[in-house]
Amino acid sequence: MSVKYCVVYVTTGSLAEAQSLSKMLVSEKLAACVNRIGPLVSTYEWQGEIQEDTEYLLVIKARRDDFELLQQRIEAMHSYDLPEILALPVEAGSANYLNWLGQATERRS
C-alpha cells in the first residue's frame, strides 16, 4: 500500500510566522489543516552551542505527493536558516477524515 497522506512538523520562532505559514499552506491547498501548538520550548544544539528557544509547532496534514512543493513553499517563507520540516506517513485514519483531507487538498490545473 502506498502512502497517500502525511503529517508534517514545522517549528517557527513566532506566532505571527506560524499564522502566516498556516494560512498560506491552506489557501494554496498544500494542507487540509494546520494545527498550531505553543508556545513551547525547544532545546537543541546549533553551531556548537546548546540553545533553548520559544517556538510554535505546526502540525500539517497534507498529501504525500505534495510534500516537495510544500517544503519549497515553507523554505521560501520561513525565517530560519534551517527550518525543521519532517514528514511522517499516515498509515491509517478515519475514512471520512481522509476523504475530507483529499478533497480539501485537491487542486485544479
PDB file of N, CA and C in Angstrom:
ATOM      1  N   MET A   1       0.845  -1.181   0.000  1.00  0.00           N
ATOM      2  CA  MET A   1       0.000   0.000   0.000  1.00  0.00           C
ATOM      3  C   MET A   1       0.890   1.244   0.000  1.00  0.00           C
ATOM      4  N   SER A   2       0.695   2.128  -0.936  1.00  0.00           N
ATOM      5  CA  SER A   2       1.477   3.362  -0.954  1.00  0.00           C
ATOM      6  C   SER A   2       0.832   4.384  -0.014  1.00  0.00           C
ATOM      7  N   VAL A   3       1.674   5.219   0.557  1.00  0.00           N
ATOM      8  CA  VAL A   3       1.200   6.242   1.482  1.00  0.00           C
ATOM      9  C   VAL A   3       0.645   7.405   0.677  1.00  0.00           C
ATOM     10  N   LYS A   4      -0.595   7.777   0.961  1.00  0.00           N
ATOM     11  CA  LYS A   4      -1.260   8.846   0.225  1.00  0.00           C
ATOM     12  C   LYS A   4      -1.171  10.185   0.950  1.00  0.00           C
ATOM     13  N   TYR A   5      -1.103  10.139   2.292  1.00  0.00           N
ATOM     14  CA  TYR A   5      -1.099  11.358   3.081  1.00  0.00           C
ATOM     15  C   TYR A   5       0.063  11.350   4.063  1.00  0.00           C
ATOM     16  N   CYS A   6       0.404  12.546   4.562  1.00  0.00           N
ATOM     17  CA  CYS A   6       1.460  12.659   5.558  1.00  0.00           C
ATOM     18  C   CYS A   6       1.099  13.759   6.548  1.00  0.00           C
ATOM     19  N   VAL A   7       1.763  13.706   7.686  1.00  0.00           N
ATOM     20  CA  VAL A   7       1.697  14.763   8.689  1.00  0.00           C
ATOM     21  C   VAL A   7       3.083  15.380   8.727  1.00  0.00           C
ATOM     22  N   VAL A   8       3.150  16.693   8.584  1.00  0.00           N
ATOM     23  CA  VAL A   8       4.428  17.396   8.520  1.00  0.00           C
ATOM     24  C   VAL A   8       4.558  18.288   9.746  1.00  0.00           C
ATOM     25  N   TYR A   9       5.702  18.182  10.417  1.00  0.00           N
ATOM     26  CA  TYR A   9       6.009  19.034  11.566  1.00  0.00           C
ATOM     27  C   TYR A   9       6.935  20.151  11.121  1.00  0.00           C
ATOM     28  N   VAL A  10       6.593  21.373  11.505  1.00  0.00           N
ATOM     29  CA  VAL A  10       7.418  22.547  11.231  1.00  0.00           C
ATOM     30  C   VAL A  10       7.381  23.419  12.475  1.00  0.00           C
ATOM     31  N   THR A  11       8.544  23.893  12.926  1.00  0.00           N
ATOM     32  CA  THR A  11       8.579  24.836  14.032  1.00  0.00           C
ATOM     33  C   THR A  11       8.842  26.236  13.493  1.00  0.00           C
ATOM     34  N   THR A  12       8.318  27.230  14.206  1.00  0.00           N
ATOM     35  CA  THR A  12       8.529  28.632  13.860  1.00  0.00           C
ATOM     36  C   THR A  12       8.938  29.394  15.113  1.00  0.00           C
ATOM     37  N   GLY A  13       9.539  30.543  14.916  1.00  0.00           N
ATOM     38  CA  GLY A  13      10.009  31.346  16.031  1.00  0.00           C
ATOM     39  C   GLY A  13       9.004  32.341  16.571  1.00  0.00           C
ATOM     40  N   SER A  14       7.847  32.463  15.911  1.00  0.00           N
ATOM     41  CA  SER A  14       6.842  33.417  16.389  1.00  0.00           C
ATOM     42  C   SER A  14       5.442  32.952  15.999  1.00  0.00           C
ATOM     43  N   LEU A  15       4.465  33.449  16.742  1.00  0.00           N
ATOM     44  CA  LEU A  15       3.071  33.149  16.428  1.00  0.00           C
ATOM     45  C   LEU A  15       2.701  33.746  15.069  1.00  0.00           C
ATOM     46  N   ALA A  16       3.178  34.945  14.782  1.00  0.00           N
ATOM     47  CA  ALA A  16       2.861  35.584  13.501  1.00  0.00           C
ATOM     48  C   ALA A  16       3.350  34.741  12.326  1.00  0.00           C
ATOM     49  N   GLU A  17       4.560  34.211  12.440  1.00  0.00           N
ATOM     50  CA  GLU A  17       5.085  33.367  11.363  1.00  0.00           C
ATOM     51  C   GLU A  17       4.279  32.075  11.256  1.00  0.00           C
ATOM     52  N   ALA A  18       3.915  31.488  12.379  1.00  0.00           N
ATOM     53  CA  ALA A  18       3.095  30.272  12.373  1.00  0.00           C
ATOM     54  C   ALA A  18       1.757  30.535  11.687  1.00  0.00           C
ATOM     55  N   GLN A  19       1.136  31.661  11.994  1.00  0.00           N
ATOM     56  CA  GLN A  19      -0.148  32.006  11.376  1.00  0.00           C
ATOM     57  C   GLN A  19       0.010  32.225   9.874  1.00  0.00           C
ATOM     58  N   SER A  20       1.045  32.937   9.489  1.00  0.00           N
ATOM     59  CA  SER A  20       1.278  33.234   8.082  1.00  0.00           C
ATOM     60  C   SER A  20       1.510  31.962   7.267  1.00  0.00           C
ATOM     61  N   LEU A  21       2.377  31.078   7.777  1.00  0.00           N
ATOM     62  CA  LEU A  21       2.635  29.818   7.075  1.00  0.00           C
ATOM     63  C   LEU A  21       1.375  28.966   7.000  1.00  0.00           C
ATOM     64  N   SER A  22       0.625  28.887   8.098  1.00  0.00           N
ATOM     65  CA  SER A  22      -0.601  28.089   8.131  1.00  0.00           C
ATOM     66  C   SER A  22      -1.596  28.558   7.080  1.00  0.00           C
ATOM     67  N   LYS A  23      -1.838  29.852   7.038  1.00  0.00           N
ATOM     68  CA  LYS A  23      -2.806  30.398   6.082  1.00  0.00           C
ATOM     69  C   LYS A  23      -2.355  30.189   4.649  1.00  0.00           C
ATOM     70  N   MET A  24      -1.054  30.377   4.380  1.00  0.00           N
ATOM     71  CA  MET A  24      -0.537  30.189   3.035  1.00  0.00           C
ATOM     72  C   MET A  24      -0.733  28.732   2.584  1.00  0.00           C
ATOM     73  N   LEU A  25      -0.374  27.781   3.432  1.00  0.00           N
ATOM     74  CA  LEU A  25      -0.466  26.366   3.057  1.00  0.00           C
ATOM     75  C   LEU A  25      -1.903  25.935   2.802  1.00  0.00           C
ATOM     76  N   VAL A  26      -2.827  26.388   3.633  1.00  0.00           N
ATOM     77  CA  VAL A  26      -4.236  26.019   3.442  1.00  0.00           C
ATOM     78  C   VAL A  26      -4.807  26.735   2.214  1.00  0.00           C
ATOM     79  N   SER A  27      -4.503  28.012   2.042  1.00  0.00           N
ATOM     80  CA  SER A  27      -5.064  28.749   0.896  1.00  0.00           C
ATOM     81  C   SER A  27      -4.536  28.211  -0.432  1.00  0.00           C
ATOM     82  N   GLU A  28      -3.302  27.702  -0.439  1.00  0.00           N
ATOM     83  CA  GLU A  28      -2.740  27.125  -1.659  1.00  0.00           C
ATOM     84  C   GLU A  28      -3.080  25.634  -1.812  1.00  0.00           C
ATOM     85  N   LYS A  29      -3.877  25.122  -0.897  1.00  0.00           N
ATOM     86  CA  LYS A  29      -4.324  23.724  -0.903  1.00  0.00           C
ATOM     87  C   LYS A  29      -3.169  22.735  -0.788  1.00  0.00           C
ATOM     88  N   LEU A  30      -2.074  23.176  -0.156  1.00  0.00           N
ATOM     89  CA  LEU A  30      -0.969  22.272   0.142  1.00  0.00           C
ATOM     90  C   LEU A  30      -1.191  21.582   1.477  1.00  0.00           C
ATOM     91  N   ALA A  31      -2.163  22.055   2.253  1.00  0.00           N
ATOM     92  CA  ALA A  31      -2.537  21.443   3.525  1.00  0.00           C
ATOM     93  C   ALA A  31      -4.046  21.513   3.667  1.00  0.00           C
ATOM     94  N   ALA A  32      -4.607  20.452   4.228  1.00  0.00           N
ATOM     95  CA  ALA A  32      -6.033  20.462   4.526  1.00  0.00           C
ATOM     96  C   ALA A  32      -6.289  21.187   5.837  1.00  0.00           C
ATOM     97  N   CYS A  33      -5.351  21.046   6.764  1.00  0.00           N
ATOM     98  CA  CYS A  33      -5.494  21.608   8.091  1.00  0.00           C
ATOM     99  C   CYS A  33      -4.105  21.786   8.686  1.00  0.00           C
ATOM    100  N   VAL A  34      -3.918  22.874   9.424  1.00  0.00           N
ATOM    101  CA  VAL A  34      -2.668  23.101  10.144  1.00  0.00           C
ATOM    102  C   VAL A  34      -3.024  23.439  11.586  1.00  0.00           C
ATOM    103  N   ASN A  35      -2.534  22.638  12.510  1.00  0.00           N
ATOM    104  CA  ASN A  35      -2.699  22.927  13.931  1.00  0.00           C
ATOM    105  C   ASN A  35      -1.473  23.693  14.406  1.00  0.00           C
ATOM    106  N   ARG A  36      -1.704  24.736  15.202  1.00  0.00           N
ATOM    107  CA  ARG A  36      -0.605  25.495  15.801  1.00  0.00           C
ATOM    108  C   ARG A  36      -0.571  25.171  17.285  1.00  0.00           C
ATOM    109  N   ILE A  37       0.570  24.703  17.741  1.00  0.00           N
ATOM    110  CA  ILE A  37       0.754  24.322  19.142  1.00  0.00           C
ATOM    111  C   ILE A  37       1.835  25.214  19.730  1.00  0.00           C
ATOM    112  N   GLY A  38       1.566  25.765  20.884  1.00  0.00           N
ATOM    113  CA  GLY A  38       2.598  26.564  21.531  1.00  0.00           C
ATOM    114  C   GLY A  38       2.011  27.721  22.300  1.00  0.00           C
ATOM    115  N   PRO A  39       2.869  28.481  22.882  1.00  0.00           N
ATOM    116  CA  PRO A  39       4.313  28.366  22.750  1.00  0.00           C
ATOM    117  C   PRO A  39       4.853  27.142  23.486  1.00  0.00           C
ATOM    118  N   LEU A  40       5.971  26.646  22.986  1.00  0.00           N
ATOM    119  CA  LEU A  40       6.679  25.536  23.599  1.00  0.00           C
ATOM    120  C   LEU A  40       8.155  25.883  23.609  1.00  0.00           C
ATOM    121  N   VAL A  41       8.940  25.144  24.363  1.00  0.00           N
ATOM    122  CA  VAL A  41      10.369  25.406  24.441  1.00  0.00           C
ATOM    123  C   VAL A  41      11.112  24.275  23.748  1.00  0.00           C
ATOM    124  N   SER A  42      11.984  24.629  22.818  1.00  0.00           N
ATOM    125  CA  SER A  42      12.816  23.655  22.117  1.00  0.00           C
ATOM    126  C   SER A  42      14.253  23.791  22.601  1.00  0.00           C
ATOM    127  N   THR A  43      14.873  22.657  22.893  1.00  0.00           N
ATOM    128  CA  THR A  43      16.278  22.604  23.289  1.00  0.00           C
ATOM    129  C   THR A  43      17.022  21.845  22.207  1.00  0.00           C
ATOM    130  N   TYR A  44      18.101  22.431  21.700  1.00  0.00           N
ATOM    131  CA  TYR A  44      18.829  21.828  20.592  1.00  0.00           C
ATOM    132  C   TYR A  44      20.240  22.398  20.542  1.00  0.00           C
ATOM    133  N   GLU A  45      21.108  21.717  19.791  1.00  0.00           N
ATOM    134  CA  GLU A  45      22.453  22.229  19.581  1.00  0.00           C
ATOM    135  C   GLU A  45      22.510  22.917  18.225  1.00  0.00           C
ATOM    136  N   TRP A  46      23.055  24.128  18.196  1.00  0.00           N
ATOM    137  CA  TRP A  46      23.197  24.876  16.956  1.00  0.00           C
ATOM    138  C   TRP A  46      24.528  25.604  16.987  1.00  0.00           C
ATOM    139  N   GLN A  47      25.343  25.353  15.985  1.00  0.00           N
ATOM    140  CA  GLN A  47      26.657  25.975  15.844  1.00  0.00           C
ATOM    141  C   GLN A  47      27.503  25.796  17.109  1.00  0.00           C
ATOM    142  N   GLY A  48      27.465  24.566  17.649  1.00  0.00           N
ATOM    143  CA  GLY A  48      28.288  24.198  18.789  1.00  0.00           C
ATOM    144  C   GLY A  48      27.782  24.665  20.136  1.00  0.00           C
ATOM    145  N   GLU A  49      26.630  25.272  20.186  1.00  0.00           N
ATOM    146  CA  GLU A  49      26.066  25.786  21.445  1.00  0.00           C
ATOM    147  C   GLU A  49      24.708  25.148  21.712  1.00  0.00           C
ATOM    148  N   ILE A  50      24.422  24.864  22.981  1.00  0.00           N
ATOM    149  CA  ILE A  50      23.091  24.401  23.368  1.00  0.00           C
ATOM    150  C   ILE A  50      22.173  25.622  23.425  1.00  0.00           C
ATOM    151  N   GLN A  51      21.062  25.532  22.721  1.00  0.00           N
ATOM    152  CA  GLN A  51      20.096  26.635  22.631  1.00  0.00           C
ATOM    153  C   GLN A  51      18.775  26.220  23.268  1.00  0.00           C
ATOM    154  N   GLU A  52      18.058  27.177  23.803  1.00  0.00           N
ATOM    155  CA  GLU A  52      16.675  26.992  24.236  1.00  0.00           C
ATOM    156  C   GLU A  52      15.885  28.178  23.717  1.00  0.00           C
ATOM    157  N   ASP A  53      14.870  27.875  22.930  1.00  0.00           N
ATOM    158  CA  ASP A  53      14.063  28.934  22.334  1.00  0.00           C
ATOM    159  C   ASP A  53      12.590  28.616  22.452  1.00  0.00           C
ATOM    160  N   THR A  54      11.802  29.658  22.541  1.00  0.00           N
ATOM    161  CA  THR A  54      10.354  29.526  22.477  1.00  0.00           C
ATOM    162  C   THR A  54       9.960  29.427  21.016  1.00  0.00           C
ATOM    163  N   GLU A  55       9.153  28.426  20.701  1.00  0.00           N
ATOM    164  CA  GLU A  55       8.730  28.204  19.320  1.00  0.00           C
ATOM    165  C   GLU A  55       7.256  27.815  19.289  1.00  0.00           C
ATOM    166  N   TYR A  56       6.737  27.759  18.089  1.00  0.00           N
ATOM    167  CA  TYR A  56       5.401  27.245  17.814  1.00  0.00           C
ATOM    168  C   TYR A  56       5.557  26.070  16.866  1.00  0.00           C
ATOM    169  N   LEU A  57       4.793  25.018  17.111  1.00  0.00           N
ATOM    170  CA  LEU A  57       4.854  23.819  16.282  1.00  0.00           C
ATOM    171  C   LEU A  57       3.635  23.774  15.370  1.00  0.00           C
ATOM    172  N   LEU A  58       3.876  23.616  14.086  1.00  0.00           N
ATOM    173  CA  LEU A  58       2.802  23.402  13.119  1.00  0.00           C
ATOM    174  C   LEU A  58       2.682  21.919  12.850  1.00  0.00           C
ATOM    175  N   VAL A  59       1.464  21.408  12.907  1.00  0.00           N
ATOM    176  CA  VAL A  59       1.158  20.022  12.553  1.00  0.00           C
ATOM    177  C   VAL A  59       0.288  20.104  11.304  1.00  0.00           C
ATOM    178  N   ILE A  60       0.890  19.745  10.183  1.00  0.00           N
ATOM    179  CA  ILE A  60       0.298  19.979   8.871  1.00  0.00           C
ATOM    180  C   ILE A  60      -0.180  18.652   8.281  1.00  0.00           C
ATOM    181  N   LYS A  61      -1.449  18.583   7.878  1.00  0.00           N
ATOM    182  CA  LYS A  61      -1.982  17.394   7.224  1.00  0.00           C
ATOM    183  C   LYS A  61      -2.025  17.654   5.724  1.00  0.00           C
ATOM    184  N   ALA A  62      -1.347  16.780   4.959  1.00  0.00           N
ATOM    185  CA  ALA A  62      -1.152  17.050   3.534  1.00  0.00           C
ATOM    186  C   ALA A  62      -1.110  15.755   2.729  1.00  0.00           C
ATOM    187  N   ARG A  63      -1.133  15.916   1.421  1.00  0.00           N
ATOM    188  CA  ARG A  63      -0.920  14.796   0.509  1.00  0.00           C
ATOM    189  C   ARG A  63       0.577  14.506   0.437  1.00  0.00           C
ATOM    190  N   ARG A  64       0.931  13.258   0.440  1.00  0.00           N
ATOM    191  CA  ARG A  64       2.341  12.872   0.338  1.00  0.00           C
ATOM    192  C   ARG A  64       2.946  13.372  -0.977  1.00  0.00           C
ATOM    193  N   ASP A  65       2.177  13.296  -2.057  1.00  0.00           N
ATOM    194  CA  ASP A  65       2.672  13.726  -3.375  1.00  0.00           C
ATOM    195  C   ASP A  65       2.965  15.225  -3.427  1.00  0.00           C
ATOM    196  N   ASP A  66       2.414  16.007  -2.498  1.00  0.00           N
ATOM    197  CA  ASP A  66       2.642  17.445  -2.473  1.00  0.00           C
ATOM    198  C   ASP A  66       3.805  17.847  -1.570  1.00  0.00           C
ATOM    199  N   PHE A  67       4.465  16.878  -0.936  1.00  0.00           N
ATOM    200  CA  PHE A  67       5.475  17.225   0.066  1.00  0.00           C
ATOM    201  C   PHE A  67       6.590  18.110  -0.494  1.00  0.00           C
ATOM    202  N   GLU A  68       7.118  17.805  -1.656  1.00  0.00           N
ATOM    203  CA  GLU A  68       8.231  18.575  -2.191  1.00  0.00           C
ATOM    204  C   GLU A  68       7.834  20.036  -2.416  1.00  0.00           C
ATOM    205  N   LEU A  69       6.661  20.273  -2.971  1.00  0.00           N
ATOM    206  CA  LEU A  69       6.180  21.643  -3.180  1.00  0.00           C
ATOM    207  C   LEU A  69       5.914  22.324  -1.842  1.00  0.00           C
ATOM    208  N   LEU A  70       5.304  21.598  -0.906  1.00  0.00           N
ATOM    209  CA  LEU A  70       5.054  22.129   0.429  1.00  0.00           C
ATOM    210  C   LEU A  70       6.374  22.541   1.080  1.00  0.00           C
ATOM    211  N   GLN A  71       7.384  21.702   0.982  1.00  0.00           N
ATOM    212  CA  GLN A  71       8.698  22.004   1.547  1.00  0.00           C
ATOM    213  C   GLN A  71       9.287  23.261   0.907  1.00  0.00           C
ATOM    214  N   GLN A  72       9.210  23.358  -0.402  1.00  0.00           N
ATOM    215  CA  GLN A  72       9.742  24.539  -1.101  1.00  0.00           C
ATOM    216  C   GLN A  72       9.050  25.816  -0.645  1.00  0.00           C
ATOM    217  N   ARG A  73       7.742  25.770  -0.504  1.00  0.00           N
ATOM    218  CA  ARG A  73       6.975  26.959  -0.091  1.00  0.00           C
ATOM    219  C   ARG A  73       7.337  27.358   1.336  1.00  0.00           C
ATOM    220  N   ILE A  74       7.473  26.373   2.224  1.00  0.00           N
ATOM    221  CA  ILE A  74       7.854  26.673   3.608  1.00  0.00           C
ATOM    222  C   ILE A  74       9.253  27.286   3.637  1.00  0.00           C
ATOM    223  N   GLU A  75      10.206  26.678   2.951  1.00  0.00           N
ATOM    224  CA  GLU A  75      11.586  27.185   2.948  1.00  0.00           C
ATOM    225  C   GLU A  75      11.659  28.599   2.376  1.00  0.00           C
ATOM    226  N   ALA A  76      10.831  28.915   1.391  1.00  0.00           N
ATOM    227  CA  ALA A  76      10.847  30.244   0.779  1.00  0.00           C
ATOM    228  C   ALA A  76      10.334  31.317   1.739  1.00  0.00           C
ATOM    229  N   MET A  77       9.409  30.959   2.635  1.00  0.00           N
ATOM    230  CA  MET A  77       8.791  31.937   3.531  1.00  0.00           C
ATOM    231  C   MET A  77       9.366  31.922   4.942  1.00  0.00           C
ATOM    232  N   HIS A  78      10.079  30.876   5.308  1.00  0.00           N
ATOM    233  CA  HIS A  78      10.494  30.678   6.703  1.00  0.00           C
ATOM    234  C   HIS A  78      11.647  31.595   7.083  1.00  0.00           C
ATOM    235  N   SER A  79      11.651  32.046   8.335  1.00  0.00           N
ATOM    236  CA  SER A  79      12.703  32.951   8.805  1.00  0.00           C
ATOM    237  C   SER A  79      13.981  32.224   9.228  1.00  0.00           C
ATOM    238  N   TYR A  80      13.901  30.924   9.477  1.00  0.00           N
ATOM    239  CA  TYR A  80      15.084  30.176   9.922  1.00  0.00           C
ATOM    240  C   TYR A  80      16.004  29.847   8.755  1.00  0.00           C
ATOM    241  N   ASP A  81      17.309  29.790   9.032  1.00  0.00           N
ATOM    242  CA  ASP A  81      18.265  29.316   8.026  1.00  0.00           C
ATOM    243  C   ASP A  81      18.024  27.852   7.696  1.00  0.00           C
ATOM    244  N   LEU A  82      17.644  27.077   8.709  1.00  0.00           N
ATOM    245  CA  LEU A  82      17.431  25.641   8.556  1.00  0.00           C
ATOM    246  C   LEU A  82      16.137  25.256   9.278  1.00  0.00           C
ATOM    247  N   PRO A  83      14.993  25.450   8.615  1.00  0.00           N
ATOM    248  CA  PRO A  83      13.728  25.119   9.290  1.00  0.00           C
ATOM    249  C   PRO A  83      13.541  23.611   9.460  1.00  0.00           C
ATOM    250  N   GLU A  84      12.924  23.253  10.576  1.00  0.00           N
ATOM    251  CA  GLU A  84      12.541  21.859  10.791  1.00  0.00           C
ATOM    252  C   GLU A  84      11.356  21.563   9.883  1.00  0.00           C
ATOM    253  N   ILE A  85      11.511  20.579   9.015  1.00  0.00           N
ATOM    254  CA  ILE A  85      10.423  20.119   8.150  1.00  0.00           C
ATOM    255  C   ILE A  85      10.520  18.599   8.117  1.00  0.00           C
ATOM    256  N   LEU A  86       9.664  17.945   8.874  1.00  0.00           N
ATOM    257  CA  LEU A  86       9.677  16.481   8.984  1.00  0.00           C
ATOM    258  C   LEU A  86       8.322  15.923   8.580  1.00  0.00           C
ATOM    259  N   ALA A  87       8.322  14.976   7.653  1.00  0.00           N
ATOM    260  CA  ALA A  87       7.079  14.350   7.205  1.00  0.00           C
ATOM    261  C   ALA A  87       6.989  12.929   7.745  1.00  0.00           C
ATOM    262  N   LEU A  88       5.850  12.623   8.323  1.00  0.00           N
ATOM    263  CA  LEU A  88       5.569  11.280   8.830  1.00  0.00           C
ATOM    264  C   LEU A  88       4.410  10.706   8.022  1.00  0.00           C
ATOM    265  N   PRO A  89       4.508   9.457   7.602  1.00  0.00           N
ATOM    266  CA  PRO A  89       3.442   8.877   6.796  1.00  0.00           C
ATOM    267  C   PRO A  89       2.185   8.625   7.622  1.00  0.00           C
ATOM    268  N   VAL A  90       1.044   8.810   6.992  1.00  0.00           N
ATOM    269  CA  VAL A  90      -0.236   8.435   7.594  1.00  0.00           C
ATOM    270  C   VAL A  90      -0.523   7.016   7.129  1.00  0.00           C
ATOM    271  N   GLU A  91      -0.406   6.075   8.048  1.00  0.00           N
ATOM    272  CA  GLU A  91      -0.619   4.661   7.720  1.00  0.00           C
ATOM    273  C   GLU A  91      -2.098   4.297   7.691  1.00  0.00           C
ATOM    274  N   ALA A  92      -2.885   4.961   8.534  1.00  0.00           N
ATOM    275  CA  ALA A  92      -4.320   4.675   8.619  1.00  0.00           C
ATOM    276  C   ALA A  92      -5.002   5.872   9.249  1.00  0.00           C
ATOM    277  N   GLY A  93      -6.313   5.943   9.078  1.00  0.00           N
ATOM    278  CA  GLY A  93      -7.094   7.022   9.663  1.00  0.00           C
ATOM    279  C   GLY A  93      -8.561   6.817   9.363  1.00  0.00           C
ATOM    280  N   SER A  94      -9.376   7.637   9.961  1.00  0.00           N
ATOM    281  CA  SER A  94     -10.809   7.605   9.708  1.00  0.00           C
ATOM    282  C   SER A  94     -11.064   7.824   8.220  1.00  0.00           C
ATOM    283  N   ALA A  95     -11.848   6.948   7.626  1.00  0.00           N
ATOM    284  CA  ALA A  95     -12.128   7.066   6.189  1.00  0.00           C
ATOM    285  C   ALA A  95     -12.760   8.416   5.864  1.00  0.00           C
ATOM    286  N   ASN A  96     -13.677   8.867   6.702  1.00  0.00           N
ATOM    287  CA  ASN A  96     -14.327  10.160   6.456  1.00  0.00           C
ATOM    288  C   ASN A  96     -13.314  11.303   6.512  1.00  0.00           C
ATOM    289  N   TYR A  97     -12.408  11.268   7.498  1.00  0.00           N
ATOM    290  CA  TYR A  97     -11.404  12.330   7.612  1.00  0.00           C
ATOM    291  C   TYR A  97     -10.450  12.296   6.423  1.00  0.00           C
ATOM    292  N   LEU A  98      -9.996  11.113   6.039  1.00  0.00           N
ATOM    293  CA  LEU A  98      -9.073  11.006   4.913  1.00  0.00           C
ATOM    294  C   LEU A  98      -9.733  11.449   3.608  1.00  0.00           C
ATOM    295  N   ASN A  99     -11.015  11.169   3.451  1.00  0.00           N
ATOM    296  CA  ASN A  99     -11.742  11.658   2.268  1.00  0.00           C
ATOM    297  C   ASN A  99     -11.777  13.179   2.257  1.00  0.00           C
ATOM    298  N   TRP A 100     -12.066  13.775   3.420  1.00  0.00           N
ATOM    299  CA  TRP A 100     -12.083  15.229   3.529  1.00  0.00           C
ATOM    300  C   TRP A 100     -10.697  15.803   3.233  1.00  0.00           C
ATOM    301  N   LEU A 101      -9.655  15.178   3.782  1.00  0.00           N
ATOM    302  CA  LEU A 101      -8.284  15.638   3.543  1.00  0.00           C
ATOM    303  C   LEU A 101      -7.995  15.664   2.043  1.00  0.00           C
ATOM    304  N   GLY A 102      -8.392  14.611   1.355  1.00  0.00           N
ATOM    305  CA  GLY A 102      -8.184  14.557  -0.087  1.00  0.00           C
ATOM    306  C   GLY A 102      -8.945  15.649  -0.827  1.00  0.00           C
ATOM    307  N   GLN A 103     -10.195  15.870  -0.438  1.00  0.00           N
ATOM    308  CA  GLN A 103     -10.991  16.919  -1.079  1.00  0.00           C
ATOM    309  C   GLN A 103     -10.445  18.306  -0.801  1.00  0.00           C
ATOM    310  N   ALA A 104      -9.996  18.534   0.431  1.00  0.00           N
ATOM    311  CA  ALA A 104      -9.519  19.858   0.828  1.00  0.00           C
ATOM    312  C   ALA A 104      -8.190  20.225   0.162  1.00  0.00           C
ATOM    313  N   THR A 105      -7.449  19.229  -0.299  1.00  0.00           N
ATOM    314  CA  THR A 105      -6.157  19.497  -0.930  1.00  0.00           C
ATOM    315  C   THR A 105      -6.179  19.264  -2.440  1.00  0.00           C
ATOM    316  N   GLU A 106      -7.348  19.098  -2.988  1.00  0.00           N
ATOM    317  CA  GLU A 106      -7.466  18.888  -4.426  1.00  0.00           C
ATOM    318  C   GLU A 106      -7.306  20.223  -5.145  1.00  0.00           C
ATOM    319  N   ARG A 107      -6.320  20.265  -6.019  1.00  0.00           N
ATOM    320  CA  ARG A 107      -6.056  21.489  -6.792  1.00  0.00           C
ATOM    321  C   ARG A 107      -6.406  21.227  -8.249  1.00  0.00           C
ATOM    322  N   ARG A 108      -7.078  22.176  -8.840  1.00  0.00           N
ATOM    323  CA  ARG A 108      -7.436  22.051 -10.252  1.00  0.00           C
ATOM    324  C   ARG A 108      -6.367  22.729 -11.086  1.00  0.00           C
ATOM    325  N   SER A 109      -6.016  22.116 -12.182  1.00  0.00           N
ATOM    326  CA  SER A 109      -4.989  22.705 -13.074  1.00  0.00           C
ATOM    327  C   SER A 109      -5.533  23.851 -13.880  1.00  0.00           C
TER     328      SER A 109
END
